[in-house]
Amino acid sequence: MARIYAGILGPLALLISLARGAIHAWDVETTVLYAWISLWGFAALGVVLGWLAGRIVEEDVRTRISAERAPPEATGPTQAA
């Protein structure tokens, strides 16, 4: 999941930075520098967020599986027949 988030956020930040440079008429070197920094910065952020999301999902699945496998608890006193 971390690679997916990084693969989405990084290129998205690159494209937005390139568009911003074009809109503000920055020179090419400045635009590419900001785009390159944005690519790596947001890819790193995507890795962290994706890793965290993956851990949360895995923990939730483990908890649910453990709850399903556990024997049911008695909810009250049993009545003798």
PDB file of N, CA and C in Angstrom:
ATOM      1  N   MET A   1       0.818  -1.173   0.000  1.00  0.00           N
ATOM      2  CA  MET A   1       0.000   0.000   0.000  1.00  0.00           C
ATOM      3  C   MET A   1       0.876   1.257   0.000  1.00  0.00           C
ATOM      4  N   ALA A   2       2.039   1.187   0.612  1.00  0.00           N
ATOM      5  CA  ALA A   2       2.931   2.342   0.673  1.00  0.00           C
ATOM      6  C   ALA A   2       3.401   2.740  -0.723  1.00  0.00           C
ATOM      7  N   ARG A   3       3.714   1.748  -1.534  1.00  0.00           N
ATOM      8  CA  ARG A   3       4.170   2.051  -2.901  1.00  0.00           C
ATOM      9  C   ARG A   3       3.061   2.678  -3.723  1.00  0.00           C
ATOM     10  N   ILE A   4       1.834   2.256  -3.509  1.00  0.00           N
ATOM     11  CA  ILE A   4       0.709   2.813  -4.256  1.00  0.00           C
ATOM     12  C   ILE A   4       0.521   4.278  -3.897  1.00  0.00           C
ATOM     13  N   TYR A   5       0.528   4.586  -2.599  1.00  0.00           N
ATOM     14  CA  TYR A   5       0.362   5.972  -2.171  1.00  0.00           C
ATOM     15  C   TYR A   5       1.502   6.840  -2.699  1.00  0.00           C
ATOM     16  N   ALA A   6       2.727   6.349  -2.609  1.00  0.00           N
ATOM     17  CA  ALA A   6       3.874   7.109  -3.106  1.00  0.00           C
ATOM     18  C   ALA A   6       3.784   7.300  -4.614  1.00  0.00           C
ATOM     19  N   GLY A   7       3.333   6.266  -5.316  1.00  0.00           N
ATOM     20  CA  GLY A   7       3.212   6.333  -6.763  1.00  0.00           C
ATOM     21  C   GLY A   7       2.118   7.269  -7.242  1.00  0.00           C
ATOM     22  N   ILE A   8       1.188   7.592  -6.365  1.00  0.00           N
ATOM     23  CA  ILE A   8       0.128   8.530  -6.723  1.00  0.00           C
ATOM     24  C   ILE A   8       0.495   9.950  -6.298  1.00  0.00           C
ATOM     25  N   LEU A   9       0.907  10.113  -5.046  1.00  0.00           N
ATOM     26  CA  LEU A   9       1.169  11.451  -4.526  1.00  0.00           C
ATOM     27  C   LEU A   9       2.379  12.118  -5.180  1.00  0.00           C
ATOM     28  N   GLY A  10       3.436  11.370  -5.420  1.00  0.00           N
ATOM     29  CA  GLY A  10       4.647  11.945  -6.015  1.00  0.00           C
ATOM     30  C   GLY A  10       4.411  12.548  -7.396  1.00  0.00           C
ATOM     31  N   PRO A  11       3.936  11.759  -8.356  1.00  0.00           N
ATOM     32  CA  PRO A  11       3.686  12.319  -9.684  1.00  0.00           C
ATOM     33  C   PRO A  11       2.607  13.405  -9.699  1.00  0.00           C
ATOM     34  N   LEU A  12       1.619  13.281  -8.832  1.00  0.00           N
ATOM     35  CA  LEU A  12       0.596  14.316  -8.748  1.00  0.00           C
ATOM     36  C   LEU A  12       1.213  15.644  -8.310  1.00  0.00           C
ATOM     37  N   ALA A  13       2.082  15.604  -7.318  1.00  0.00           N
ATOM     38  CA  ALA A  13       2.770  16.815  -6.865  1.00  0.00           C
ATOM     39  C   ALA A  13       3.668  17.378  -7.967  1.00  0.00           C
ATOM     40  N   LEU A  14       4.318  16.510  -8.717  1.00  0.00           N
ATOM     41  CA  LEU A  14       5.162  16.945  -9.828  1.00  0.00           C
ATOM     42  C   LEU A  14       4.338  17.698 -10.865  1.00  0.00           C
ATOM     43  N   LEU A  15       3.212  17.143 -11.256  1.00  0.00           N
ATOM     44  CA  LEU A  15       2.372  17.783 -12.267  1.00  0.00           C
ATOM     45  C   LEU A  15       1.804  19.118 -11.768  1.00  0.00           C
ATOM     46  N   ILE A  16       1.399  19.153 -10.527  1.00  0.00           N
ATOM     47  CA  ILE A  16       0.864  20.401  -9.975  1.00  0.00           C
ATOM     48  C   ILE A  16       1.960  21.464  -9.911  1.00  0.00           C
ATOM     49  N   SER A  17       3.167  21.066  -9.540  1.00  0.00           N
ATOM     50  CA  SER A  17       4.273  22.024  -9.490  1.00  0.00           C
ATOM     51  C   SER A  17       4.637  22.530 -10.884  1.00  0.00           C
ATOM     52  N   LEU A  18       4.602  21.667 -11.875  1.00  0.00           N
ATOM     53  CA  LEU A  18       4.869  22.099 -13.248  1.00  0.00           C
ATOM     54  C   LEU A  18       3.796  23.064 -13.740  1.00  0.00           C
ATOM     55  N   ALA A  19       2.550  22.770 -13.415  1.00  0.00           N
ATOM     56  CA  ALA A  19       1.458  23.660 -13.811  1.00  0.00           C
ATOM     57  C   ALA A  19       1.585  25.008 -13.093  1.00  0.00           C
ATOM     58  N   ARG A  20       1.952  24.978 -11.831  1.00  0.00           N
ATOM     59  CA  ARG A  20       2.125  26.224 -11.080  1.00  0.00           C
ATOM     60  C   ARG A  20       3.241  27.072 -11.689  1.00  0.00           C
ATOM     61  N   GLY A  21       4.327  26.427 -12.052  1.00  0.00           N
ATOM     62  CA  GLY A  21       5.433  27.155 -12.688  1.00  0.00           C
ATOM     63  C   GLY A  21       5.025  27.759 -14.019  1.00  0.00           C
ATOM     64  N   ALA A  22       4.215  27.032 -14.773  1.00  0.00           N
ATOM     65  CA  ALA A  22       3.756  27.549 -16.065  1.00  0.00           C
ATOM     66  C   ALA A  22       2.787  28.719 -15.877  1.00  0.00           C
ATOM     67  N   ILE A  23       1.902  28.608 -14.902  1.00  0.00           N
ATOM     68  CA  ILE A  23       0.922  29.674 -14.649  1.00  0.00           C
ATOM     69  C   ILE A  23       1.617  30.952 -14.186  1.00  0.00           C
ATOM     70  N   HIS A  24       2.624  30.824 -13.327  1.00  0.00           N
ATOM     71  CA  HIS A  24       3.318  31.996 -12.791  1.00  0.00           C
ATOM     72  C   HIS A  24       4.500  32.427 -13.662  1.00  0.00           C
ATOM     73  N   ALA A  25       4.695  31.772 -14.768  1.00  0.00           N
ATOM     74  CA  ALA A  25       5.752  32.096 -15.744  1.00  0.00           C
ATOM     75  C   ALA A  25       7.145  32.096 -15.105  1.00  0.00           C
ATOM     76  N   TRP A  26       7.414  31.059 -14.287  1.00  0.00           N
ATOM     77  CA  TRP A  26       8.749  30.917 -13.720  1.00  0.00           C
ATOM     78  C   TRP A  26       9.691  30.434 -14.812  1.00  0.00           C
ATOM     79  N   ASP A  27      10.993  30.645 -14.605  1.00  0.00           N
ATOM     80  CA  ASP A  27      11.942  30.090 -15.568  1.00  0.00           C
ATOM     81  C   ASP A  27      11.979  28.568 -15.417  1.00  0.00           C
ATOM     82  N   VAL A  28      12.485  27.921 -16.426  1.00  0.00           N
ATOM     83  CA  VAL A  28      12.424  26.457 -16.502  1.00  0.00           C
ATOM     84  C   VAL A  28      13.185  25.796 -15.355  1.00  0.00           C
ATOM     85  N   GLU A  29      14.375  26.321 -15.030  1.00  0.00           N
ATOM     86  CA  GLU A  29      15.181  25.708 -13.979  1.00  0.00           C
ATOM     87  C   GLU A  29      14.465  25.748 -12.627  1.00  0.00           C
ATOM     88  N   THR A  30      13.847  26.878 -12.309  1.00  0.00           N
ATOM     89  CA  THR A  30      13.131  26.998 -11.040  1.00  0.00           C
ATOM     90  C   THR A  30      11.925  26.070 -11.008  1.00  0.00           C
ATOM     91  N   THR A  31      11.198  26.019 -12.104  1.00  0.00           N
ATOM     92  CA  THR A  31      10.012  25.163 -12.174  1.00  0.00           C
ATOM     93  C   THR A  31      10.384  23.698 -12.004  1.00  0.00           C
ATOM     94  N   VAL A  32      11.403  23.255 -12.706  1.00  0.00           N
ATOM     95  CA  VAL A  32      11.818  21.853 -12.635  1.00  0.00           C
ATOM     96  C   VAL A  32      12.379  21.528 -11.250  1.00  0.00           C
ATOM     97  N   LEU A  33      13.107  22.458 -10.638  1.00  0.00           N
ATOM     98  CA  LEU A  33      13.645  22.230  -9.309  1.00  0.00           C
ATOM     99  C   LEU A  33      12.515  22.039  -8.298  1.00  0.00           C
ATOM    100  N   TYR A  34      11.539  22.946  -8.305  1.00  0.00           N
ATOM    101  CA  TYR A  34      10.406  22.806  -7.389  1.00  0.00           C
ATOM    102  C   TYR A  34       9.605  21.537  -7.674  1.00  0.00           C
ATOM    103  N   ALA A  35       9.438  21.202  -8.924  1.00  0.00           N
ATOM    104  CA  ALA A  35       8.698  19.986  -9.283  1.00  0.00           C
ATOM    105  C   ALA A  35       9.438  18.743  -8.790  1.00  0.00           C
ATOM    106  N   TRP A  36      10.753  18.726  -8.948  1.00  0.00           N
ATOM    107  CA  TRP A  36      11.565  17.586  -8.517  1.00  0.00           C
ATOM    108  C   TRP A  36      11.520  17.427  -6.995  1.00  0.00           C
ATOM    109  N   ILE A  37      11.632  18.545  -6.279  1.00  0.00           N
ATOM    110  CA  ILE A  37      11.547  18.499  -4.816  1.00  0.00           C
ATOM    111  C   ILE A  37      10.159  18.042  -4.381  1.00  0.00           C
ATOM    112  N   SER A  38       9.130  18.541  -5.047  1.00  0.00           N
ATOM    113  CA  SER A  38       7.758  18.135  -4.725  1.00  0.00           C
ATOM    114  C   SER A  38       7.553  16.643  -4.970  1.00  0.00           C
ATOM    115  N   LEU A  39       8.091  16.146  -6.075  1.00  0.00           N
ATOM    116  CA  LEU A  39       7.970  14.718  -6.391  1.00  0.00           C
ATOM    117  C   LEU A  39       8.518  13.865  -5.258  1.00  0.00           C
ATOM    118  N   TRP A  40       9.737  14.134  -4.823  1.00  0.00           N
ATOM    119  CA  TRP A  40      10.364  13.313  -3.795  1.00  0.00           C
ATOM    120  C   TRP A  40       9.753  13.533  -2.422  1.00  0.00           C
ATOM    121  N   GLY A  41       9.397  14.772  -2.129  1.00  0.00           N
ATOM    122  CA  GLY A  41       8.784  15.051  -0.833  1.00  0.00           C
ATOM    123  C   GLY A  41       7.439  14.371  -0.670  1.00  0.00           C
ATOM    124  N   PHE A  42       6.594  14.480  -1.684  1.00  0.00           N
ATOM    125  CA  PHE A  42       5.276  13.865  -1.580  1.00  0.00           C
ATOM    126  C   PHE A  42       5.329  12.351  -1.769  1.00  0.00           C
ATOM    127  N   ALA A  43       6.313  11.849  -2.497  1.00  0.00           N
ATOM    128  CA  ALA A  43       6.480  10.398  -2.578  1.00  0.00           C
ATOM    129  C   ALA A  43       6.866   9.853  -1.203  1.00  0.00           C
ATOM    130  N   ALA A  44       7.752  10.556  -0.494  1.00  0.00           N
ATOM    131  CA  ALA A  44       8.123  10.132   0.861  1.00  0.00           C
ATOM    132  C   ALA A  44       6.917  10.198   1.795  1.00  0.00           C
ATOM    133  N   LEU A  45       6.134  11.258   1.682  1.00  0.00           N
ATOM    134  CA  LEU A  45       4.915  11.366   2.482  1.00  0.00           C
ATOM    135  C   LEU A  45       3.953  10.228   2.150  1.00  0.00           C
ATOM    136  N   GLY A  46       3.838   9.883   0.875  1.00  0.00           N
ATOM    137  CA  GLY A  46       2.980   8.777   0.458  1.00  0.00           C
ATOM    138  C   GLY A  46       3.431   7.444   1.031  1.00  0.00           C
ATOM    139  N   VAL A  47       4.739   7.240   1.105  1.00  0.00           N
ATOM    140  CA  VAL A  47       5.258   6.000   1.696  1.00  0.00           C
ATOM    141  C   VAL A  47       4.849   5.911   3.160  1.00  0.00           C
ATOM    142  N   VAL A  48       5.007   6.998   3.878  1.00  0.00           N
ATOM    143  CA  VAL A  48       4.668   6.997   5.306  1.00  0.00           C
ATOM    144  C   VAL A  48       3.167   6.783   5.498  1.00  0.00           C
ATOM    145  N   LEU A  49       2.356   7.529   4.760  1.00  0.00           N
ATOM    146  CA  LEU A  49       0.902   7.387   4.892  1.00  0.00           C
ATOM    147  C   LEU A  49       0.424   6.007   4.450  1.00  0.00           C
ATOM    148  N   GLY A  50       0.995   5.489   3.382  1.00  0.00           N
ATOM    149  CA  GLY A  50       0.623   4.162   2.910  1.00  0.00           C
ATOM    150  C   GLY A  50       1.023   3.073   3.884  1.00  0.00           C
ATOM    151  N   TRP A  51       2.197   3.206   4.466  1.00  0.00           N
ATOM    152  CA  TRP A  51       2.632   2.222   5.467  1.00  0.00           C
ATOM    153  C   TRP A  51       1.695   2.257   6.667  1.00  0.00           C
ATOM    154  N   LEU A  52       1.359   3.466   7.111  1.00  0.00           N
ATOM    155  CA  LEU A  52       0.464   3.611   8.252  1.00  0.00           C
ATOM    156  C   LEU A  52      -0.920   3.041   7.939  1.00  0.00           C
ATOM    157  N   ALA A  53      -1.438   3.324   6.769  1.00  0.00           N
ATOM    158  CA  ALA A  53      -2.746   2.788   6.380  1.00  0.00           C
ATOM    159  C   ALA A  53      -2.709   1.262   6.302  1.00  0.00           C
ATOM    160  N   GLY A  54      -1.637   0.721   5.767  1.00  0.00           N
ATOM    161  CA  GLY A  54      -1.503  -0.731   5.689  1.00  0.00           C
ATOM    162  C   GLY A  54      -1.474  -1.380   7.062  1.00  0.00           C
ATOM    163  N   ARG A  55      -0.748  -0.767   7.995  1.00  0.00           N
ATOM    164  CA  ARG A  55      -0.691  -1.298   9.358  1.00  0.00           C
ATOM    165  C   ARG A  55      -2.062  -1.267  10.026  1.00  0.00           C
ATOM    166  N   ILE A  56      -2.808  -0.184   9.818  1.00  0.00           N
ATOM    167  CA  ILE A  56      -4.135  -0.072  10.420  1.00  0.00           C
ATOM    168  C   ILE A  56      -5.064  -1.142   9.875  1.00  0.00           C
ATOM    169  N   VAL A  57      -5.031  -1.356   8.578  1.00  0.00           N
ATOM    170  CA  VAL A  57      -5.899  -2.373   7.963  1.00  0.00           C
ATOM    171  C   VAL A  57      -5.504  -3.765   8.437  1.00  0.00           C
ATOM    172  N   GLU A  58      -4.211  -4.059   8.464  1.00  0.00           N
ATOM    173  CA  GLU A  58      -3.758  -5.375   8.921  1.00  0.00           C
ATOM    174  C   GLU A  58      -4.168  -5.631  10.371  1.00  0.00           C
ATOM    175  N   GLU A  59      -4.025  -4.627  11.219  1.00  0.00           N
ATOM    176  CA  GLU A  59      -4.395  -4.790  12.626  1.00  0.00           C
ATOM    177  C   GLU A  59      -5.892  -5.023  12.769  1.00  0.00           C
ATOM    178  N   ASP A  60      -6.688  -4.314  11.984  1.00  0.00           N
ATOM    179  CA  ASP A  60      -8.138  -4.501  12.042  1.00  0.00           C
ATOM    180  C   ASP A  60      -8.521  -5.911  11.592  1.00  0.00           C
ATOM    181  N   VAL A  61      -7.892  -6.399  10.535  1.00  0.00           N
ATOM    182  CA  VAL A  61      -8.187  -7.750  10.048  1.00  0.00           C
ATOM    183  C   VAL A  61      -7.782  -8.784  11.094  1.00  0.00           C
ATOM    184  N   ARG A  62      -6.602  -8.607  11.701  1.00  0.00           N
ATOM    185  CA  ARG A  62      -6.172  -9.541  12.752  1.00  0.00           C
ATOM    186  C   ARG A  62      -7.157  -9.555  13.920  1.00  0.00           C
ATOM    187  N   THR A  63      -7.619  -8.380  14.320  1.00  0.00           N
ATOM    188  CA  THR A  63      -8.565  -8.284  15.430  1.00  0.00           C
ATOM    189  C   THR A  63      -9.871  -8.987  15.092  1.00  0.00           C
ATOM    190  N   ARG A  64     -10.369  -8.787  13.897  1.00  0.00           N
ATOM    191  CA  ARG A  64     -11.630  -9.423  13.498  1.00  0.00           C
ATOM    192  C   ARG A  64     -11.494 -10.936  13.415  1.00  0.00           C
ATOM    193  N   ILE A  65     -10.385 -11.408  12.878  1.00  0.00           N
ATOM    194  CA  ILE A  65     -10.174 -12.853  12.778  1.00  0.00           C
ATOM    195  C   ILE A  65     -10.055 -13.462  14.170  1.00  0.00           C
ATOM    196  N   SER A  66      -9.336 -12.790  15.052  1.00  0.00           N
ATOM    197  CA  SER A  66      -9.203 -13.286  16.427  1.00  0.00           C
ATOM    198  C   SER A  66     -10.549 -13.328  17.128  1.00  0.00           C
ATOM    199  N   ALA A  67     -11.375 -12.317  16.892  1.00  0.00           N
ATOM    200  CA  ALA A  67     -12.695 -12.282  17.518  1.00  0.00           C
ATOM    201  C   ALA A  67     -13.587 -13.399  16.990  1.00  0.00           C
ATOM    202  N   GLU A  68     -13.470 -13.728  15.714  1.00  0.00           N
ATOM    203  CA  GLU A  68     -14.287 -14.799  15.141  1.00  0.00           C
ATOM    204  C   GLU A  68     -13.841 -16.169  15.635  1.00  0.00           C
ATOM    205  N   ARG A  69     -12.567 -16.343  15.866  1.00  0.00           N
ATOM    206  CA  ARG A  69     -12.043 -17.632  16.306  1.00  0.00           C
ATOM    207  C   ARG A  69     -12.227 -17.868  17.794  1.00  0.00           C
ATOM    208  N   ALA A  70     -12.391 -16.812  18.565  1.00  0.00           N
ATOM    209  CA  ALA A  70     -12.532 -16.953  20.017  1.00  0.00           C
ATOM    210  C   ALA A  70     -13.866 -17.615  20.342  1.00  0.00           C
ATOM    211  N   PRO A  71     -13.885 -18.470  21.368  1.00  0.00           N
ATOM    212  CA  PRO A  71     -15.154 -19.099  21.756  1.00  0.00           C
ATOM    213  C   PRO A  71     -16.104 -18.030  22.310  1.00  0.00           C
ATOM    214  N   PRO A  72     -17.391 -18.218  22.094  1.00  0.00           N
ATOM    215  CA  PRO A  72     -18.349 -17.223  22.614  1.00  0.00           C
ATOM    216  C   PRO A  72     -18.341 -17.227  24.139  1.00  0.00           C
ATOM    217  N   GLU A  73     -18.480 -16.040  24.707  1.00  0.00           N
ATOM    218  CA  GLU A  73     -18.488 -15.913  26.159  1.00  0.00           C
ATOM    219  C   GLU A  73     -19.909 -16.113  26.683  1.00  0.00           C
ATOM    220  N   ALA A  74     -20.006 -16.643  27.872  1.00  0.00           N
ATOM    221  CA  ALA A  74     -21.320 -16.811  28.500  1.00  0.00           C
ATOM    222  C   ALA A  74     -21.852 -15.420  28.889  1.00  0.00           C
ATOM    223  N   THR A  75     -23.128 -15.197  28.606  1.00  0.00           N
ATOM    224  CA  THR A  75     -23.688 -13.880  28.873  1.00  0.00           C
ATOM    225  C   THR A  75     -24.428 -13.817  30.204  1.00  0.00           C
ATOM    226  N   GLY A  76     -24.595 -14.899  30.844  1.00  0.00           N
ATOM    227  CA  GLY A  76     -25.294 -14.883  32.120  1.00  0.00           C
ATOM    228  C   GLY A  76     -25.227 -16.258  32.770  1.00  0.00           C
ATOM    229  N   PRO A  77     -25.893 -16.396  33.934  1.00  0.00           N
ATOM    230  CA  PRO A  77     -25.878 -17.708  34.604  1.00  0.00           C
ATOM    231  C   PRO A  77     -26.662 -18.742  33.796  1.00  0.00           C
ATOM    232  N   THR A  78     -26.153 -19.927  33.793  1.00  0.00           N
ATOM    233  CA  THR A  78     -26.841 -21.001  33.074  1.00  0.00           C
ATOM    234  C   THR A  78     -27.961 -21.562  33.927  1.00  0.00           C
ATOM    235  N   GLN A  79     -29.019 -21.969  33.287  1.00  0.00           N
ATOM    236  CA  GLN A  79     -30.162 -22.529  34.012  1.00  0.00           C
ATOM    237  C   GLN A  79     -30.090 -24.050  33.939  1.00  0.00           C
ATOM    238  N   ALA A  80     -30.317 -24.676  35.049  1.00  0.00           N
ATOM    239  CA  ALA A  80     -30.321 -26.128  35.114  1.00  0.00           C
ATOM    240  C   ALA A  80     -31.673 -26.635  34.640  1.00  0.00           C
ATOM    241  N   ALA A  81     -31.673 -27.696  33.887  1.00  0.00           N
ATOM    242  CA  ALA A  81     -32.921 -28.239  33.354  1.00  0.00           C
ATOM    243  C   ALA A  81     -33.547 -29.231  34.281  1.00  0.00           C
TER     244      ALA A  81
END
